[in-house]
């Protein structure tokens, strides 16, 4: 079973990582409130992200509260990626078979696209200190259909690391 789970996560198109404060007692956190000051997304994607973050937090046993234990700051970013690929030479070979000298050609091409990332900061409301951070990269920002599918997937992968296993 563990190897099946490892196989599933290793096939993920996302790069996910997290970090946490070792002094934090995650058992004490029962309520949360979303803060979206740094969430620069269109309204459709903002709703997708916030709904999925709330769904994942509630699945972990937390509930929304006006006087919360955790402030959840959600941030989004994207960067332009240039992917350059080159294939092996092809064409006619000259004298001496494939290891001799002769004529061959190769192709090089590039593609540009935007890749998105989500950052989830969980801040202790009492101390105002960051206690957990999850980051996920690899969202296909340029494709609305891909984002619709990928946002729930990446949030679930990020939140799989919460609470941390010490």
N, C-alpha and C. Protein backbone atom coordinates (compact mmCIF):
# COMPACT_ATOMS: atom_id res chain seq x y z
N UNK A 1 0.82 -1.19 0.00
CA UNK A 1 0.00 0.00 0.00
C UNK A 1 0.87 1.25 0.00
N UNK A 2 1.92 1.25 0.83
CA UNK A 2 2.80 2.41 0.89
C UNK A 2 3.50 2.63 -0.44
N UNK A 3 3.92 1.56 -1.10
CA UNK A 3 4.59 1.72 -2.38
C UNK A 3 3.62 2.24 -3.43
N UNK A 4 2.34 1.87 -3.35
CA UNK A 4 1.35 2.39 -4.29
C UNK A 4 1.16 3.88 -4.07
N UNK A 5 1.11 4.31 -2.83
CA UNK A 5 0.98 5.74 -2.54
C UNK A 5 2.21 6.51 -3.02
N UNK A 6 3.38 5.93 -2.83
CA UNK A 6 4.60 6.57 -3.30
C UNK A 6 4.59 6.70 -4.80
N UNK A 7 4.13 5.67 -5.48
CA UNK A 7 4.06 5.70 -6.93
C UNK A 7 3.12 6.77 -7.43
N UNK A 8 2.01 6.96 -6.76
CA UNK A 8 1.05 7.98 -7.16
C UNK A 8 1.64 9.37 -6.96
N UNK A 9 2.26 9.62 -5.83
CA UNK A 9 2.78 10.95 -5.58
C UNK A 9 4.00 11.25 -6.44
N UNK A 10 4.77 10.23 -6.80
CA UNK A 10 5.96 10.49 -7.59
C UNK A 10 5.59 10.84 -9.03
N UNK A 11 4.36 10.53 -9.46
CA UNK A 11 3.93 10.85 -10.82
C UNK A 11 3.28 12.22 -10.90
N UNK A 12 3.24 12.93 -9.83
CA UNK A 12 2.60 14.23 -9.78
C UNK A 12 3.34 15.24 -10.66
N UNK A 13 2.59 16.09 -11.36
CA UNK A 13 3.24 17.12 -12.17
C UNK A 13 3.71 18.32 -11.33
N UNK A 14 3.43 18.29 -10.02
CA UNK A 14 3.74 19.43 -9.16
C UNK A 14 5.00 19.20 -8.34
N UNK A 15 5.64 20.29 -7.97
CA UNK A 15 6.74 20.26 -7.02
C UNK A 15 6.18 20.86 -5.73
N UNK A 16 6.10 20.04 -4.70
CA UNK A 16 5.49 20.46 -3.44
C UNK A 16 6.50 20.29 -2.32
N UNK A 17 6.55 21.28 -1.44
CA UNK A 17 7.43 21.20 -0.27
C UNK A 17 6.78 21.97 0.88
N UNK A 18 7.24 21.67 2.07
CA UNK A 18 6.71 22.38 3.24
C UNK A 18 7.79 22.49 4.30
N UNK A 19 7.55 23.40 5.23
CA UNK A 19 8.45 23.60 6.35
C UNK A 19 7.60 24.01 7.54
N UNK A 20 8.13 23.81 8.74
CA UNK A 20 7.35 24.14 9.93
C UNK A 20 8.27 24.48 11.09
N UNK A 21 7.68 25.18 12.06
CA UNK A 21 8.39 25.52 13.28
C UNK A 21 8.30 24.31 14.22
N UNK A 22 9.44 23.79 14.60
CA UNK A 22 9.46 22.59 15.44
C UNK A 22 8.90 22.84 16.84
N UNK A 23 8.85 24.09 17.25
CA UNK A 23 8.33 24.41 18.58
C UNK A 23 6.81 24.54 18.61
N UNK A 24 6.16 24.57 17.46
CA UNK A 24 4.71 24.74 17.40
C UNK A 24 4.01 23.44 17.81
N UNK A 25 2.93 23.58 18.57
CA UNK A 25 2.11 22.44 18.95
C UNK A 25 0.86 22.46 18.06
N UNK A 26 0.89 21.67 17.01
CA UNK A 26 -0.19 21.68 16.02
C UNK A 26 -1.49 21.10 16.56
N UNK A 27 -1.44 20.39 17.66
CA UNK A 27 -2.67 19.88 18.28
C UNK A 27 -3.52 21.00 18.88
N UNK A 28 -2.90 22.15 19.16
CA UNK A 28 -3.62 23.26 19.77
C UNK A 28 -4.41 24.09 18.76
N UNK A 29 -4.18 23.88 17.49
CA UNK A 29 -4.84 24.69 16.45
C UNK A 29 -6.15 24.03 16.03
N UNK A 30 -7.25 24.71 16.33
CA UNK A 30 -8.58 24.17 16.04
C UNK A 30 -9.38 25.05 15.08
N UNK A 31 -9.06 26.34 15.04
CA UNK A 31 -9.82 27.26 14.20
C UNK A 31 -8.87 28.04 13.30
N UNK A 32 -9.42 28.55 12.20
CA UNK A 32 -8.62 29.32 11.25
C UNK A 32 -9.45 30.43 10.63
N UNK A 33 -8.74 31.37 10.05
CA UNK A 33 -9.35 32.44 9.28
C UNK A 33 -8.46 32.69 8.06
N UNK A 34 -9.08 32.81 6.89
CA UNK A 34 -8.32 33.05 5.67
C UNK A 34 -7.98 34.53 5.54
N UNK A 35 -6.75 34.80 5.14
CA UNK A 35 -6.30 36.16 4.82
C UNK A 35 -5.81 36.12 3.38
N UNK A 36 -6.32 37.01 2.57
CA UNK A 36 -6.00 36.97 1.14
C UNK A 36 -5.38 38.27 0.64
N UNK A 37 -4.65 38.96 1.50
CA UNK A 37 -4.04 40.22 1.10
C UNK A 37 -3.14 40.08 -0.12
N UNK A 38 -2.42 38.97 -0.22
CA UNK A 38 -1.44 38.78 -1.28
C UNK A 38 -1.93 37.86 -2.39
N UNK A 39 -3.22 37.60 -2.44
CA UNK A 39 -3.76 36.67 -3.43
C UNK A 39 -4.20 37.44 -4.67
N UNK A 40 -3.27 37.57 -5.61
CA UNK A 40 -3.52 38.34 -6.83
C UNK A 40 -3.94 37.38 -7.95
N UNK A 41 -5.21 36.97 -7.89
CA UNK A 41 -5.78 36.07 -8.89
C UNK A 41 -7.09 36.66 -9.39
N UNK A 42 -7.55 36.17 -10.54
CA UNK A 42 -8.88 36.58 -10.98
C UNK A 42 -9.90 35.95 -10.03
N UNK A 43 -11.12 36.46 -10.07
CA UNK A 43 -12.14 36.02 -9.11
C UNK A 43 -12.46 34.53 -9.22
N UNK A 44 -12.42 33.99 -10.43
CA UNK A 44 -12.73 32.56 -10.61
C UNK A 44 -11.67 31.71 -9.91
N UNK A 45 -10.40 31.99 -10.19
CA UNK A 45 -9.32 31.21 -9.57
C UNK A 45 -9.24 31.46 -8.07
N UNK A 46 -9.52 32.68 -7.65
CA UNK A 46 -9.51 32.99 -6.22
C UNK A 46 -10.53 32.13 -5.49
N UNK A 47 -11.74 32.03 -6.03
CA UNK A 47 -12.77 31.18 -5.42
C UNK A 47 -12.34 29.73 -5.39
N UNK A 48 -11.74 29.24 -6.49
CA UNK A 48 -11.27 27.85 -6.53
C UNK A 48 -10.25 27.59 -5.44
N UNK A 49 -9.27 28.48 -5.33
CA UNK A 49 -8.20 28.28 -4.35
C UNK A 49 -8.74 28.35 -2.92
N UNK A 50 -9.50 29.38 -2.62
CA UNK A 50 -9.99 29.56 -1.25
C UNK A 50 -10.95 28.44 -0.84
N UNK A 51 -11.82 28.01 -1.75
CA UNK A 51 -12.73 26.91 -1.44
C UNK A 51 -11.96 25.62 -1.16
N UNK A 52 -10.95 25.37 -1.96
CA UNK A 52 -10.17 24.14 -1.78
C UNK A 52 -9.34 24.19 -0.50
N UNK A 53 -8.75 25.35 -0.18
CA UNK A 53 -7.98 25.48 1.06
C UNK A 53 -8.90 25.24 2.25
N UNK A 54 -10.08 25.86 2.25
CA UNK A 54 -11.03 25.65 3.35
C UNK A 54 -11.45 24.20 3.45
N UNK A 55 -11.72 23.57 2.31
CA UNK A 55 -12.11 22.15 2.29
C UNK A 55 -11.03 21.28 2.91
N UNK A 56 -9.77 21.54 2.54
CA UNK A 56 -8.66 20.74 3.07
C UNK A 56 -8.46 20.98 4.57
N UNK A 57 -8.55 22.23 5.01
CA UNK A 57 -8.39 22.53 6.44
C UNK A 57 -9.51 21.88 7.26
N UNK A 58 -10.72 21.93 6.75
CA UNK A 58 -11.84 21.32 7.46
C UNK A 58 -11.70 19.80 7.50
N UNK A 59 -11.15 19.21 6.45
CA UNK A 59 -10.90 17.77 6.44
C UNK A 59 -9.84 17.39 7.49
N UNK A 60 -9.00 18.36 7.86
CA UNK A 60 -7.98 18.13 8.90
C UNK A 60 -8.52 18.41 10.30
N UNK A 61 -9.81 18.77 10.39
CA UNK A 61 -10.44 18.98 11.69
C UNK A 61 -10.49 20.42 12.16
N UNK A 62 -10.07 21.36 11.33
CA UNK A 62 -10.14 22.77 11.71
C UNK A 62 -11.46 23.37 11.24
N UNK A 63 -11.90 24.41 11.92
CA UNK A 63 -13.12 25.10 11.52
C UNK A 63 -12.86 26.60 11.46
N UNK A 64 -13.70 27.29 10.71
CA UNK A 64 -13.57 28.74 10.56
C UNK A 64 -13.95 29.39 11.88
N UNK A 65 -13.19 30.41 12.28
CA UNK A 65 -13.48 31.12 13.53
C UNK A 65 -13.15 32.59 13.42
N UNK A 66 -13.95 33.41 14.10
CA UNK A 66 -13.69 34.85 14.11
C UNK A 66 -12.51 35.21 15.01
N UNK A 67 -12.27 34.41 16.03
CA UNK A 67 -11.12 34.59 16.90
C UNK A 67 -10.24 33.34 16.72
N UNK A 68 -9.55 33.23 15.57
CA UNK A 68 -8.93 31.96 15.19
C UNK A 68 -7.61 31.68 15.89
N UNK A 69 -7.25 30.39 15.87
CA UNK A 69 -5.93 29.97 16.34
C UNK A 69 -4.88 30.19 15.25
N UNK A 70 -5.30 30.03 13.99
CA UNK A 70 -4.39 30.17 12.84
C UNK A 70 -4.92 31.20 11.85
N UNK A 71 -4.03 32.01 11.35
CA UNK A 71 -4.32 32.87 10.21
C UNK A 71 -3.71 32.16 9.01
N UNK A 72 -4.51 31.94 7.98
CA UNK A 72 -4.03 31.27 6.78
C UNK A 72 -3.88 32.31 5.68
N UNK A 73 -2.63 32.62 5.36
CA UNK A 73 -2.34 33.60 4.31
C UNK A 73 -2.05 32.83 3.03
N UNK A 74 -2.86 33.09 2.00
CA UNK A 74 -2.73 32.40 0.73
C UNK A 74 -2.13 33.37 -0.28
N UNK A 75 -1.07 32.93 -0.96
CA UNK A 75 -0.42 33.75 -1.99
C UNK A 75 -0.32 32.95 -3.27
N UNK A 76 -0.35 33.65 -4.38
CA UNK A 76 -0.17 33.02 -5.69
C UNK A 76 0.86 33.81 -6.47
N UNK A 77 1.63 33.09 -7.26
CA UNK A 77 2.63 33.72 -8.11
C UNK A 77 2.74 32.93 -9.40
N UNK A 78 3.29 33.56 -10.41
CA UNK A 78 3.57 32.81 -11.63
C UNK A 78 4.83 33.36 -12.27
N UNK A 79 5.44 32.51 -13.09
CA UNK A 79 6.65 32.91 -13.80
C UNK A 79 6.60 32.36 -15.21
N UNK A 80 7.25 33.06 -16.10
CA UNK A 80 7.32 32.65 -17.50
C UNK A 80 8.44 31.63 -17.65
N UNK A 81 8.14 30.51 -18.27
CA UNK A 81 9.09 29.43 -18.48
C UNK A 81 9.37 29.33 -19.98
N UNK A 82 10.64 29.20 -20.33
CA UNK A 82 11.04 28.91 -21.70
C UNK A 82 11.63 27.51 -21.72
N UNK A 83 10.99 26.64 -22.46
CA UNK A 83 11.41 25.25 -22.55
C UNK A 83 12.10 25.06 -23.90
N UNK A 84 13.38 24.71 -23.88
CA UNK A 84 14.14 24.49 -25.10
C UNK A 84 14.41 23.00 -25.23
N UNK A 85 14.06 22.45 -26.38
CA UNK A 85 14.26 21.02 -26.62
C UNK A 85 15.03 20.82 -27.92
N UNK A 86 15.77 19.73 -27.96
CA UNK A 86 16.57 19.41 -29.14
C UNK A 86 16.49 17.91 -29.35
N UNK A 87 16.31 17.51 -30.60
CA UNK A 87 16.28 16.08 -30.85
C UNK A 87 17.61 15.63 -31.44
N UNK A 88 17.76 14.33 -31.51
CA UNK A 88 18.99 13.74 -32.01
C UNK A 88 19.12 13.97 -33.52
N UNK A 89 20.33 13.96 -34.00
CA UNK A 89 20.51 14.12 -35.44
C UNK A 89 19.84 13.00 -36.22
N UNK A 90 19.31 13.35 -37.36
CA UNK A 90 18.72 12.36 -38.23
C UNK A 90 19.10 12.69 -39.67
N UNK A 91 18.86 11.78 -40.54
CA UNK A 91 19.14 12.01 -41.95
C UNK A 91 19.99 10.90 -42.51
N UNK A 92 20.63 11.17 -43.61
CA UNK A 92 21.44 10.18 -44.29
C UNK A 92 22.79 10.05 -43.61
N UNK A 93 23.30 8.86 -43.61
CA UNK A 93 24.64 8.66 -43.09
C UNK A 93 25.58 8.44 -44.26
N UNK A 94 26.79 8.83 -44.08
CA UNK A 94 27.78 8.70 -45.15
C UNK A 94 28.54 7.40 -45.03
N UNK A 95 29.77 7.46 -45.33
CA UNK A 95 30.61 6.28 -45.39
C UNK A 95 30.88 5.74 -44.01
N UNK A 96 30.94 4.46 -43.89
CA UNK A 96 31.30 3.85 -42.62
C UNK A 96 30.10 3.56 -41.74
N UNK A 97 28.88 3.58 -42.28
CA UNK A 97 27.69 3.27 -41.49
C UNK A 97 27.36 4.42 -40.54
N UNK A 98 26.62 4.12 -39.50
CA UNK A 98 26.16 5.20 -38.61
C UNK A 98 27.29 5.86 -37.82
N UNK A 99 28.48 5.24 -37.78
CA UNK A 99 29.57 5.86 -37.02
C UNK A 99 30.58 6.55 -37.93
N UNK A 100 30.32 6.53 -39.19
CA UNK A 100 31.23 7.19 -40.14
C UNK A 100 30.90 8.66 -40.26
N UNK A 101 31.33 9.26 -41.32
CA UNK A 101 31.02 10.66 -41.51
C UNK A 101 30.06 10.81 -42.67
N UNK A 102 29.23 11.83 -42.57
CA UNK A 102 28.22 12.03 -43.59
C UNK A 102 27.33 13.19 -43.20
N UNK A 103 26.10 13.16 -43.67
CA UNK A 103 25.16 14.27 -43.49
C UNK A 103 24.15 13.89 -42.41
N UNK A 104 23.87 14.79 -41.51
CA UNK A 104 22.85 14.60 -40.49
C UNK A 104 22.29 15.94 -40.06
N UNK A 105 21.09 15.95 -39.55
CA UNK A 105 20.47 17.21 -39.11
C UNK A 105 19.84 16.99 -37.74
N UNK A 106 19.72 18.05 -36.99
CA UNK A 106 18.99 18.00 -35.74
C UNK A 106 18.06 19.20 -35.70
N UNK A 107 17.05 19.11 -34.84
CA UNK A 107 16.10 20.22 -34.70
C UNK A 107 16.14 20.72 -33.27
N UNK A 108 15.98 22.03 -33.14
CA UNK A 108 15.85 22.67 -31.83
C UNK A 108 14.60 23.52 -31.87
N UNK A 109 13.79 23.46 -30.81
CA UNK A 109 12.61 24.30 -30.74
C UNK A 109 12.38 24.72 -29.30
N UNK A 110 11.63 25.78 -29.16
CA UNK A 110 11.35 26.28 -27.81
C UNK A 110 9.86 26.59 -27.69
N UNK A 111 9.40 26.58 -26.46
CA UNK A 111 8.02 26.97 -26.16
C UNK A 111 8.04 27.81 -24.90
N UNK A 112 7.15 28.77 -24.85
CA UNK A 112 7.02 29.65 -23.69
C UNK A 112 5.66 29.42 -23.05
N UNK A 113 5.64 29.37 -21.74
CA UNK A 113 4.38 29.23 -21.02
C UNK A 113 4.55 29.80 -19.62
N UNK A 114 3.42 30.03 -18.95
CA UNK A 114 3.42 30.53 -17.58
C UNK A 114 3.14 29.38 -16.64
N UNK A 115 3.92 29.32 -15.57
CA UNK A 115 3.74 28.29 -14.55
C UNK A 115 3.40 28.98 -13.24
N UNK A 116 2.35 28.49 -12.58
CA UNK A 116 1.88 29.11 -11.35
C UNK A 116 2.29 28.34 -10.11
N UNK A 117 2.28 29.06 -8.99
CA UNK A 117 2.62 28.48 -7.69
C UNK A 117 1.66 29.02 -6.64
N UNK A 118 1.39 28.19 -5.64
CA UNK A 118 0.60 28.61 -4.48
C UNK A 118 1.46 28.48 -3.24
N UNK A 119 1.33 29.46 -2.36
CA UNK A 119 2.04 29.45 -1.07
C UNK A 119 0.98 29.58 0.02
N UNK A 120 0.99 28.64 0.95
CA UNK A 120 0.08 28.69 2.09
C UNK A 120 0.90 28.90 3.36
N UNK A 121 0.69 30.04 3.99
CA UNK A 121 1.36 30.35 5.26
C UNK A 121 0.35 30.19 6.38
N UNK A 122 0.67 29.37 7.37
CA UNK A 122 -0.16 29.23 8.55
C UNK A 122 0.55 29.96 9.70
N UNK A 123 -0.11 30.97 10.21
CA UNK A 123 0.47 31.87 11.20
C UNK A 123 -0.28 31.71 12.51
N UNK A 124 0.46 31.52 13.59
CA UNK A 124 -0.14 31.44 14.92
C UNK A 124 -0.75 32.81 15.23
N UNK A 125 -2.05 32.86 15.42
CA UNK A 125 -2.74 34.14 15.62
C UNK A 125 -2.33 34.82 16.92
N UNK A 126 -1.97 34.04 17.92
CA UNK A 126 -1.59 34.62 19.21
C UNK A 126 -0.20 35.26 19.14
N UNK A 127 0.77 34.56 18.54
CA UNK A 127 2.15 35.05 18.51
C UNK A 127 2.49 35.81 17.23
N UNK A 128 1.63 35.68 16.21
CA UNK A 128 1.87 36.28 14.89
C UNK A 128 3.13 35.74 14.22
N UNK A 129 3.49 34.50 14.52
CA UNK A 129 4.67 33.87 13.91
C UNK A 129 4.23 32.77 12.96
N UNK A 130 4.99 32.65 11.89
CA UNK A 130 4.76 31.60 10.91
C UNK A 130 5.08 30.26 11.56
N UNK A 131 4.11 29.31 11.51
CA UNK A 131 4.35 28.00 12.11
C UNK A 131 4.41 26.88 11.07
N UNK A 132 3.85 27.13 9.87
CA UNK A 132 3.88 26.12 8.81
C UNK A 132 3.76 26.83 7.47
N UNK A 133 4.49 26.33 6.50
CA UNK A 133 4.40 26.89 5.15
C UNK A 133 4.42 25.74 4.15
N UNK A 134 3.49 25.78 3.21
CA UNK A 134 3.45 24.81 2.12
C UNK A 134 3.50 25.53 0.79
N UNK A 135 4.30 25.01 -0.12
CA UNK A 135 4.47 25.62 -1.43
C UNK A 135 4.26 24.54 -2.49
N UNK A 136 3.49 24.88 -3.50
CA UNK A 136 3.28 23.97 -4.63
C UNK A 136 3.47 24.72 -5.93
N UNK A 137 4.27 24.16 -6.83
CA UNK A 137 4.54 24.79 -8.13
C UNK A 137 4.15 23.83 -9.24
N UNK A 138 3.78 24.40 -10.39
CA UNK A 138 3.53 23.58 -11.56
C UNK A 138 2.15 23.71 -12.15
N UNK A 139 1.40 24.73 -11.77
CA UNK A 139 0.05 24.93 -12.31
C UNK A 139 0.17 25.52 -13.72
N UNK A 140 -0.60 24.99 -14.65
CA UNK A 140 -0.63 25.49 -16.03
C UNK A 140 -1.51 26.73 -16.09
N UNK A 141 -0.91 27.88 -15.87
CA UNK A 141 -1.64 29.14 -15.76
C UNK A 141 -2.36 29.50 -17.06
N UNK A 142 -1.80 29.14 -18.20
CA UNK A 142 -2.35 29.55 -19.49
C UNK A 142 -3.57 28.76 -19.94
N UNK A 143 -3.92 27.69 -19.23
CA UNK A 143 -5.03 26.83 -19.63
C UNK A 143 -6.13 26.83 -18.58
N UNK A 144 -7.27 27.48 -18.86
CA UNK A 144 -8.36 27.48 -17.89
C UNK A 144 -8.83 26.07 -17.49
N UNK A 145 -8.92 25.15 -18.45
CA UNK A 145 -9.35 23.78 -18.12
C UNK A 145 -8.34 23.09 -17.21
N UNK A 146 -7.06 23.31 -17.48
CA UNK A 146 -6.02 22.70 -16.64
C UNK A 146 -6.07 23.28 -15.23
N UNK A 147 -6.23 24.60 -15.11
CA UNK A 147 -6.31 25.21 -13.78
C UNK A 147 -7.49 24.68 -12.99
N UNK A 148 -8.62 24.50 -13.65
CA UNK A 148 -9.81 24.00 -12.98
C UNK A 148 -9.54 22.63 -12.34
N UNK A 149 -8.77 21.81 -13.02
CA UNK A 149 -8.43 20.48 -12.50
C UNK A 149 -7.25 20.54 -11.53
N UNK A 150 -6.26 21.37 -11.83
CA UNK A 150 -5.01 21.36 -11.07
C UNK A 150 -5.09 22.06 -9.72
N UNK A 151 -5.90 23.09 -9.59
CA UNK A 151 -5.95 23.82 -8.32
C UNK A 151 -6.36 22.90 -7.16
N UNK A 152 -7.45 22.12 -7.29
CA UNK A 152 -7.76 21.20 -6.19
C UNK A 152 -6.66 20.17 -5.94
N UNK A 153 -6.04 19.69 -7.01
CA UNK A 153 -4.98 18.69 -6.86
C UNK A 153 -3.78 19.25 -6.11
N UNK A 154 -3.34 20.45 -6.49
CA UNK A 154 -2.12 20.99 -5.87
C UNK A 154 -2.38 21.39 -4.42
N UNK A 155 -3.57 21.92 -4.13
CA UNK A 155 -3.88 22.27 -2.73
C UNK A 155 -3.91 21.00 -1.88
N UNK A 156 -4.50 19.93 -2.41
CA UNK A 156 -4.53 18.66 -1.66
C UNK A 156 -3.12 18.14 -1.43
N UNK A 157 -2.24 18.24 -2.42
CA UNK A 157 -0.86 17.78 -2.24
C UNK A 157 -0.11 18.63 -1.23
N UNK A 158 -0.33 19.93 -1.26
CA UNK A 158 0.32 20.81 -0.29
C UNK A 158 -0.15 20.45 1.12
N UNK A 159 -1.46 20.33 1.28
CA UNK A 159 -2.03 20.10 2.61
C UNK A 159 -1.80 18.67 3.10
N UNK A 160 -1.36 17.77 2.24
CA UNK A 160 -1.04 16.41 2.69
C UNK A 160 0.11 16.44 3.70
N UNK A 161 0.88 17.51 3.69
CA UNK A 161 2.02 17.65 4.62
C UNK A 161 1.64 18.35 5.92
N UNK A 162 0.34 18.64 6.11
CA UNK A 162 -0.11 19.28 7.34
C UNK A 162 -1.08 18.34 8.06
N UNK A 163 -1.00 18.23 9.37
CA UNK A 163 0.09 18.71 10.23
C UNK A 163 1.35 17.90 9.96
N UNK A 164 2.47 18.53 10.22
CA UNK A 164 3.74 17.83 9.94
C UNK A 164 3.92 16.62 10.84
N UNK A 165 4.57 15.63 10.29
CA UNK A 165 4.91 14.43 11.06
C UNK A 165 6.31 14.61 11.60
N UNK A 166 6.40 14.85 12.88
CA UNK A 166 7.69 15.16 13.50
C UNK A 166 8.54 13.92 13.65
